[in-house]
Amino acid sequence: MIALKLTQVGNSVGVVLPKEALIKLGVEKGDTVYLTDGAGGEMRLSAYSAEVAEEIALGEDFMDQYRDTFRALAK
């Protein structure tokens, strides 16, 4: 567990992530992270985007559905 302190950032409050956390999340300055609701009222910070994952799944389904068509077009 990594303890984080809240700090004033202009009119907002922010959290500074230590290098260890950035490495574990696989993110760097300028990337987007997501704070989502977890079980039992917890909050989870991740680099995972549910929207992107859903779009990828839809794309994979589309490619599976039209696999033969894509193969024919590739010839």
PDB file of N, CA and C in Angstrom:
ATOM      1  N   MET A   1       0.852  -1.178   0.000  1.00  0.00           N
ATOM      2  CA  MET A   1       0.000   0.000   0.000  1.00  0.00           C
ATOM      3  C   MET A   1       0.892   1.234   0.000  1.00  0.00           C
ATOM      4  N   ILE A   2       0.506   2.208  -0.805  1.00  0.00           N
ATOM      5  CA  ILE A   2       1.234   3.469  -0.880  1.00  0.00           C
ATOM      6  C   ILE A   2       0.335   4.561  -0.319  1.00  0.00           C
ATOM      7  N   ALA A   3       0.798   5.245   0.716  1.00  0.00           N
ATOM      8  CA  ALA A   3       0.038   6.351   1.302  1.00  0.00           C
ATOM      9  C   ALA A   3       0.300   7.614   0.482  1.00  0.00           C
ATOM     10  N   LEU A   4      -0.768   8.332   0.154  1.00  0.00           N
ATOM     11  CA  LEU A   4      -0.662   9.550  -0.637  1.00  0.00           C
ATOM     12  C   LEU A   4      -1.226  10.720   0.151  1.00  0.00           C
ATOM     13  N   LYS A   5      -0.599  11.875   0.010  1.00  0.00           N
ATOM     14  CA  LYS A   5      -1.093  13.072   0.684  1.00  0.00           C
ATOM     15  C   LYS A   5      -1.761  13.985  -0.330  1.00  0.00           C
ATOM     16  N   LEU A   6      -2.825  14.626   0.118  1.00  0.00           N
ATOM     17  CA  LEU A   6      -3.524  15.599  -0.717  1.00  0.00           C
ATOM     18  C   LEU A   6      -2.789  16.927  -0.641  1.00  0.00           C
ATOM     19  N   THR A   7      -2.735  17.626  -1.767  1.00  0.00           N
ATOM     20  CA  THR A   7      -2.043  18.901  -1.813  1.00  0.00           C
ATOM     21  C   THR A   7      -2.876  19.915  -2.600  1.00  0.00           C
ATOM     22  N   GLN A   8      -2.722  21.168  -2.284  1.00  0.00           N
ATOM     23  CA  GLN A   8      -3.446  22.228  -2.979  1.00  0.00           C
ATOM     24  C   GLN A   8      -2.847  22.436  -4.364  1.00  0.00           C
ATOM     25  N   VAL A   9      -3.697  22.449  -5.391  1.00  0.00           N
ATOM     26  CA  VAL A   9      -3.277  22.709  -6.769  1.00  0.00           C
ATOM     27  C   VAL A   9      -4.230  23.770  -7.311  1.00  0.00           C
ATOM     28  N   GLY A  10      -3.827  25.024  -7.226  1.00  0.00           N
ATOM     29  CA  GLY A  10      -4.715  26.118  -7.613  1.00  0.00           C
ATOM     30  C   GLY A  10      -5.932  26.129  -6.710  1.00  0.00           C
ATOM     31  N   ASN A  11      -7.131  26.085  -7.305  1.00  0.00           N
ATOM     32  CA  ASN A  11      -8.372  26.050  -6.530  1.00  0.00           C
ATOM     33  C   ASN A  11      -8.843  24.626  -6.270  1.00  0.00           C
ATOM     34  N   SER A  12      -8.047  23.650  -6.680  1.00  0.00           N
ATOM     35  CA  SER A  12      -8.411  22.239  -6.526  1.00  0.00           C
ATOM     36  C   SER A  12      -7.489  21.551  -5.536  1.00  0.00           C
ATOM     37  N   VAL A  13      -7.767  20.298  -5.292  1.00  0.00           N
ATOM     38  CA  VAL A  13      -6.911  19.470  -4.445  1.00  0.00           C
ATOM     39  C   VAL A  13      -6.412  18.328  -5.311  1.00  0.00           C
ATOM     40  N   GLY A  14      -5.122  18.023  -5.223  1.00  0.00           N
ATOM     41  CA  GLY A  14      -4.538  16.975  -6.050  1.00  0.00           C
ATOM     42  C   GLY A  14      -3.763  15.967  -5.229  1.00  0.00           C
ATOM     43  N   VAL A  15      -3.382  14.902  -5.901  1.00  0.00           N
ATOM     44  CA  VAL A  15      -2.573  13.846  -5.307  1.00  0.00           C
ATOM     45  C   VAL A  15      -1.321  13.714  -6.158  1.00  0.00           C
ATOM     46  N   VAL A  16      -0.168  13.680  -5.527  1.00  0.00           N
ATOM     47  CA  VAL A  16       1.082  13.469  -6.244  1.00  0.00           C
ATOM     48  C   VAL A  16       1.406  11.988  -6.174  1.00  0.00           C
ATOM     49  N   LEU A  17       1.570  11.369  -7.344  1.00  0.00           N
ATOM     50  CA  LEU A  17       1.880   9.945  -7.393  1.00  0.00           C
ATOM     51  C   LEU A  17       3.390   9.751  -7.430  1.00  0.00           C
ATOM     52  N   PRO A  18       3.916   8.928  -6.535  1.00  0.00           N
ATOM     53  CA  PRO A  18       5.354   8.666  -6.558  1.00  0.00           C
ATOM     54  C   PRO A  18       5.732   7.834  -7.785  1.00  0.00           C
ATOM     55  N   LYS A  19       7.006   7.850  -8.132  1.00  0.00           N
ATOM     56  CA  LYS A  19       7.504   7.146  -9.311  1.00  0.00           C
ATOM     57  C   LYS A  19       7.083   5.680  -9.310  1.00  0.00           C
ATOM     58  N   GLU A  20       7.132   5.041  -8.152  1.00  0.00           N
ATOM     59  CA  GLU A  20       6.743   3.628  -8.023  1.00  0.00           C
ATOM     60  C   GLU A  20       5.305   3.406  -8.501  1.00  0.00           C
ATOM     61  N   ALA A  21       4.401   4.302  -8.125  1.00  0.00           N
ATOM     62  CA  ALA A  21       2.997   4.178  -8.528  1.00  0.00           C
ATOM     63  C   ALA A  21       2.844   4.396 -10.030  1.00  0.00           C
ATOM     64  N   LEU A  22       3.577   5.361 -10.589  1.00  0.00           N
ATOM     65  CA  LEU A  22       3.518   5.619 -12.028  1.00  0.00           C
ATOM     66  C   LEU A  22       3.973   4.393 -12.816  1.00  0.00           C
ATOM     67  N   ILE A  23       5.030   3.759 -12.340  1.00  0.00           N
ATOM     68  CA  ILE A  23       5.548   2.561 -13.008  1.00  0.00           C
ATOM     69  C   ILE A  23       4.524   1.435 -12.944  1.00  0.00           C
ATOM     70  N   LYS A  24       3.933   1.211 -11.769  1.00  0.00           N
ATOM     71  CA  LYS A  24       2.943   0.136 -11.617  1.00  0.00           C
ATOM     72  C   LYS A  24       1.704   0.383 -12.469  1.00  0.00           C
ATOM     73  N   LEU A  25       1.299   1.638 -12.597  1.00  0.00           N
ATOM     74  CA  LEU A  25       0.138   1.981 -13.421  1.00  0.00           C
ATOM     75  C   LEU A  25       0.478   1.982 -14.911  1.00  0.00           C
ATOM     76  N   GLY A  26       1.765   2.093 -15.216  1.00  0.00           N
ATOM     77  CA  GLY A  26       2.183   2.162 -16.614  1.00  0.00           C
ATOM     78  C   GLY A  26       1.825   3.485 -17.257  1.00  0.00           C
ATOM     79  N   VAL A  27       1.889   4.563 -16.477  1.00  0.00           N
ATOM     80  CA  VAL A  27       1.536   5.891 -16.979  1.00  0.00           C
ATOM     81  C   VAL A  27       2.679   6.866 -16.753  1.00  0.00           C
ATOM     82  N   GLU A  28       2.567   8.001 -17.424  1.00  0.00           N
ATOM     83  CA  GLU A  28       3.540   9.066 -17.233  1.00  0.00           C
ATOM     84  C   GLU A  28       2.813  10.406 -17.301  1.00  0.00           C
ATOM     85  N   LYS A  29       3.535  11.470 -17.053  1.00  0.00           N
ATOM     86  CA  LYS A  29       2.954  12.811 -17.052  1.00  0.00           C
ATOM     87  C   LYS A  29       2.173  13.049 -18.345  1.00  0.00           C
ATOM     88  N   GLY A  30       0.944  13.532 -18.210  1.00  0.00           N
ATOM     89  CA  GLY A  30       0.094  13.824 -19.355  1.00  0.00           C
ATOM     90  C   GLY A  30      -0.895  12.722 -19.697  1.00  0.00           C
ATOM     91  N   ASP A  31      -0.674  11.500 -19.175  1.00  0.00           N
ATOM     92  CA  ASP A  31      -1.603  10.395 -19.421  1.00  0.00           C
ATOM     93  C   ASP A  31      -2.875  10.584 -18.605  1.00  0.00           C
ATOM     94  N   THR A  32      -3.918   9.873 -18.981  1.00  0.00           N
ATOM     95  CA  THR A  32      -5.182   9.909 -18.259  1.00  0.00           C
ATOM     96  C   THR A  32      -5.301   8.674 -17.388  1.00  0.00           C
ATOM     97  N   VAL A  33      -5.709   8.866 -16.150  1.00  0.00           N
ATOM     98  CA  VAL A  33      -6.023   7.754 -15.252  1.00  0.00           C
ATOM     99  C   VAL A  33      -7.489   7.886 -14.863  1.00  0.00           C
ATOM    100  N   TYR A  34      -8.056   6.796 -14.387  1.00  0.00           N
ATOM    101  CA  TYR A  34      -9.482   6.748 -14.083  1.00  0.00           C
ATOM    102  C   TYR A  34      -9.691   6.391 -12.626  1.00  0.00           C
ATOM    103  N   LEU A  35     -10.558   7.126 -11.964  1.00  0.00           N
ATOM    104  CA  LEU A  35     -10.953   6.851 -10.593  1.00  0.00           C
ATOM    105  C   LEU A  35     -12.363   6.299 -10.655  1.00  0.00           C
ATOM    106  N   THR A  36     -12.509   5.027 -10.292  1.00  0.00           N
ATOM    107  CA  THR A  36     -13.800   4.357 -10.406  1.00  0.00           C
ATOM    108  C   THR A  36     -14.244   3.824  -9.055  1.00  0.00           C
ATOM    109  N   ASP A  37     -15.558   3.627  -8.923  1.00  0.00           N
ATOM    110  CA  ASP A  37     -16.111   3.054  -7.702  1.00  0.00           C
ATOM    111  C   ASP A  37     -15.782   1.575  -7.644  1.00  0.00           C
ATOM    112  N   GLY A  38     -15.382   1.123  -6.458  1.00  0.00           N
ATOM    113  CA  GLY A  38     -15.105  -0.289  -6.246  1.00  0.00           C
ATOM    114  C   GLY A  38     -16.097  -0.869  -5.259  1.00  0.00           C
ATOM    115  N   ALA A  39     -15.866  -2.103  -4.897  1.00  0.00           N
ATOM    116  CA  ALA A  39     -16.744  -2.782  -3.943  1.00  0.00           C
ATOM    117  C   ALA A  39     -16.601  -2.155  -2.559  1.00  0.00           C
ATOM    118  N   GLY A  40     -17.686  -2.127  -1.823  1.00  0.00           N
ATOM    119  CA  GLY A  40     -17.642  -1.646  -0.442  1.00  0.00           C
ATOM    120  C   GLY A  40     -17.323  -0.176  -0.291  1.00  0.00           C
ATOM    121  N   GLY A  41     -17.621   0.632  -1.303  1.00  0.00           N
ATOM    122  CA  GLY A  41     -17.379   2.064  -1.194  1.00  0.00           C
ATOM    123  C   GLY A  41     -15.949   2.482  -1.483  1.00  0.00           C
ATOM    124  N   GLU A  42     -15.089   1.543  -1.857  1.00  0.00           N
ATOM    125  CA  GLU A  42     -13.705   1.879  -2.188  1.00  0.00           C
ATOM    126  C   GLU A  42     -13.645   2.604  -3.525  1.00  0.00           C
ATOM    127  N   MET A  43     -12.557   3.308  -3.754  1.00  0.00           N
ATOM    128  CA  MET A  43     -12.295   3.941  -5.042  1.00  0.00           C
ATOM    129  C   MET A  43     -11.034   3.300  -5.603  1.00  0.00           C
ATOM    130  N   ARG A  44     -11.002   3.145  -6.925  1.00  0.00           N
ATOM    131  CA  ARG A  44      -9.845   2.510  -7.564  1.00  0.00           C
ATOM    132  C   ARG A  44      -9.279   3.447  -8.626  1.00  0.00           C
ATOM    133  N   LEU A  45      -7.966   3.631  -8.590  1.00  0.00           N
ATOM    134  CA  LEU A  45      -7.259   4.439  -9.576  1.00  0.00           C
ATOM    135  C   LEU A  45      -6.585   3.484 -10.552  1.00  0.00           C
ATOM    136  N   SER A  46      -6.860   3.667 -11.845  1.00  0.00           N
ATOM    137  CA  SER A  46      -6.254   2.769 -12.828  1.00  0.00           C
ATOM    138  C   SER A  46      -6.039   3.493 -14.146  1.00  0.00           C
ATOM    139  N   ALA A  47      -5.222   2.892 -14.980  1.00  0.00           N
ATOM    140  CA  ALA A  47      -5.008   3.408 -16.324  1.00  0.00           C
ATOM    141  C   ALA A  47      -5.988   2.751 -17.283  1.00  0.00           C
ATOM    142  N   TYR A  48      -6.858   1.924 -16.774  1.00  0.00           N
ATOM    143  CA  TYR A  48      -7.829   1.166 -17.561  1.00  0.00           C
ATOM    144  C   TYR A  48      -9.030   2.032 -17.903  1.00  0.00           C
ATOM    145  N   SER A  49      -9.461   1.977 -19.132  1.00  0.00           N
ATOM    146  CA  SER A  49     -10.656   2.695 -19.563  1.00  0.00           C
ATOM    147  C   SER A  49     -11.714   1.689 -19.973  1.00  0.00           C
ATOM    148  N   ALA A  50     -12.816   1.648 -19.269  1.00  0.00           N
ATOM    149  CA  ALA A  50     -13.896   0.719 -19.592  1.00  0.00           C
ATOM    150  C   ALA A  50     -14.456   1.007 -20.981  1.00  0.00           C
ATOM    151  N   GLU A  51     -14.505   2.281 -21.363  1.00  0.00           N
ATOM    152  CA  GLU A  51     -15.017   2.645 -22.688  1.00  0.00           C
ATOM    153  C   GLU A  51     -14.135   2.078 -23.791  1.00  0.00           C
ATOM    154  N   VAL A  52     -12.829   2.225 -23.624  1.00  0.00           N
ATOM    155  CA  VAL A  52     -11.905   1.715 -24.638  1.00  0.00           C
ATOM    156  C   VAL A  52     -11.981   0.194 -24.700  1.00  0.00           C
ATOM    157  N   ALA A  53     -12.049  -0.458 -23.553  1.00  0.00           N
ATOM    158  CA  ALA A  53     -12.150  -1.920 -23.526  1.00  0.00           C
ATOM    159  C   ALA A  53     -13.418  -2.388 -24.241  1.00  0.00           C
ATOM    160  N   GLU A  54     -14.517  -1.667 -24.048  1.00  0.00           N
ATOM    161  CA  GLU A  54     -15.773  -2.022 -24.712  1.00  0.00           C
ATOM    162  C   GLU A  54     -15.663  -1.822 -26.225  1.00  0.00           C
ATOM    163  N   GLU A  55     -15.032  -0.732 -26.636  1.00  0.00           N
ATOM    164  CA  GLU A  55     -14.852  -0.485 -28.065  1.00  0.00           C
ATOM    165  C   GLU A  55     -13.977  -1.556 -28.713  1.00  0.00           C
ATOM    166  N   ILE A  56     -12.938  -1.974 -28.020  1.00  0.00           N
ATOM    167  CA  ILE A  56     -12.071  -3.037 -28.538  1.00  0.00           C
ATOM    168  C   ILE A  56     -12.855  -4.332 -28.677  1.00  0.00           C
ATOM    169  N   ALA A  57     -13.654  -4.662 -27.673  1.00  0.00           N
ATOM    170  CA  ALA A  57     -14.462  -5.887 -27.721  1.00  0.00           C
ATOM    171  C   ALA A  57     -15.444  -5.843 -28.887  1.00  0.00           C
ATOM    172  N   LEU A  58     -16.069  -4.690 -29.114  1.00  0.00           N
ATOM    173  CA  LEU A  58     -16.994  -4.548 -30.240  1.00  0.00           C
ATOM    174  C   LEU A  58     -16.261  -4.712 -31.571  1.00  0.00           C
ATOM    175  N   GLY A  59     -15.071  -4.144 -31.658  1.00  0.00           N
ATOM    176  CA  GLY A  59     -14.274  -4.281 -32.877  1.00  0.00           C
ATOM    177  C   GLY A  59     -13.873  -5.722 -33.136  1.00  0.00           C
ATOM    178  N   GLU A  60     -13.495  -6.433 -32.076  1.00  0.00           N
ATOM    179  CA  GLU A  60     -13.128  -7.843 -32.225  1.00  0.00           C
ATOM    180  C   GLU A  60     -14.330  -8.675 -32.661  1.00  0.00           C
ATOM    181  N   ASP A  61     -15.494  -8.390 -32.091  1.00  0.00           N
ATOM    182  CA  ASP A  61     -16.717  -9.093 -32.494  1.00  0.00           C
ATOM    183  C   ASP A  61     -17.022  -8.841 -33.972  1.00  0.00           C
ATOM    184  N   PHE A  62     -16.872  -7.593 -34.395  1.00  0.00           N
ATOM    185  CA  PHE A  62     -17.112  -7.227 -35.791  1.00  0.00           C
ATOM    186  C   PHE A  62     -16.161  -7.984 -36.711  1.00  0.00           C
ATOM    187  N   MET A  63     -14.875  -8.026 -36.335  1.00  0.00           N
ATOM    188  CA  MET A  63     -13.890  -8.727 -37.163  1.00  0.00           C
ATOM    189  C   MET A  63     -14.179 -10.220 -37.221  1.00  0.00           C
ATOM    190  N   ASP A  64     -14.595 -10.798 -36.098  1.00  0.00           N
ATOM    191  CA  ASP A  64     -14.956 -12.220 -36.084  1.00  0.00           C
ATOM    192  C   ASP A  64     -16.155 -12.484 -36.987  1.00  0.00           C
ATOM    193  N   GLN A  65     -17.135 -11.608 -36.929  1.00  0.00           N
ATOM    194  CA  GLN A  65     -18.362 -11.778 -37.709  1.00  0.00           C
ATOM    195  C   GLN A  65     -18.081 -11.725 -39.216  1.00  0.00           C
ATOM    196  N   TYR A  66     -17.163 -10.870 -39.624  1.00  0.00           N
ATOM    197  CA  TYR A  66     -16.877 -10.680 -41.047  1.00  0.00           C
ATOM    198  C   TYR A  66     -15.499 -11.208 -41.446  1.00  0.00           C
ATOM    199  N   ARG A  67     -15.003 -12.192 -40.719  1.00  0.00           N
ATOM    200  CA  ARG A  67     -13.673 -12.756 -40.972  1.00  0.00           C
ATOM    201  C   ARG A  67     -13.520 -13.224 -42.421  1.00  0.00           C
ATOM    202  N   ASP A  68     -14.494 -13.981 -42.935  1.00  0.00           N
ATOM    203  CA  ASP A  68     -14.417 -14.503 -44.306  1.00  0.00           C
ATOM    204  C   ASP A  68     -14.409 -13.372 -45.330  1.00  0.00           C
ATOM    205  N   THR A  69     -15.189 -12.343 -45.086  1.00  0.00           N
ATOM    206  CA  THR A  69     -15.226 -11.194 -45.994  1.00  0.00           C
ATOM    207  C   THR A  69     -13.871 -10.504 -46.035  1.00  0.00           C
ATOM    208  N   PHE A  70     -13.269 -10.300 -44.871  1.00  0.00           N
ATOM    209  CA  PHE A  70     -11.956  -9.654 -44.814  1.00  0.00           C
ATOM    210  C   PHE A  70     -10.900 -10.499 -45.526  1.00  0.00           C
ATOM    211  N   ARG A  71     -10.965 -11.808 -45.368  1.00  0.00           N
ATOM    212  CA  ARG A  71     -10.005 -12.693 -46.047  1.00  0.00           C
ATOM    213  C   ARG A  71     -10.163 -12.584 -47.562  1.00  0.00           C
ATOM    214  N   ALA A  72     -11.406 -12.555 -48.035  1.00  0.00           N
ATOM    215  CA  ALA A  72     -11.650 -12.440 -49.475  1.00  0.00           C
ATOM    216  C   ALA A  72     -11.145 -11.101 -50.010  1.00  0.00           C
ATOM    217  N   LEU A  73     -11.346 -10.044 -49.258  1.00  0.00           N
ATOM    218  CA  LEU A  73     -10.891  -8.720 -49.683  1.00  0.00           C
ATOM    219  C   LEU A  73      -9.369  -8.606 -49.679  1.00  0.00           C
ATOM    220  N   ALA A  74      -8.726  -9.363 -48.812  1.00  0.00           N
ATOM    221  CA  ALA A  74      -7.271  -9.291 -48.688  1.00  0.00           C
ATOM    222  C   ALA A  74      -6.552  -9.974 -49.852  1.00  0.00           C
ATOM    223  N   LYS A  75      -7.262 -10.791 -50.628  1.00  0.00           N
ATOM    224  CA  LYS A  75      -6.629 -11.518 -51.752  1.00  0.00           C
ATOM    225  C   LYS A  75      -6.380 -10.614 -52.928  1.00  0.00           C
TER     226      LYS A  75
END
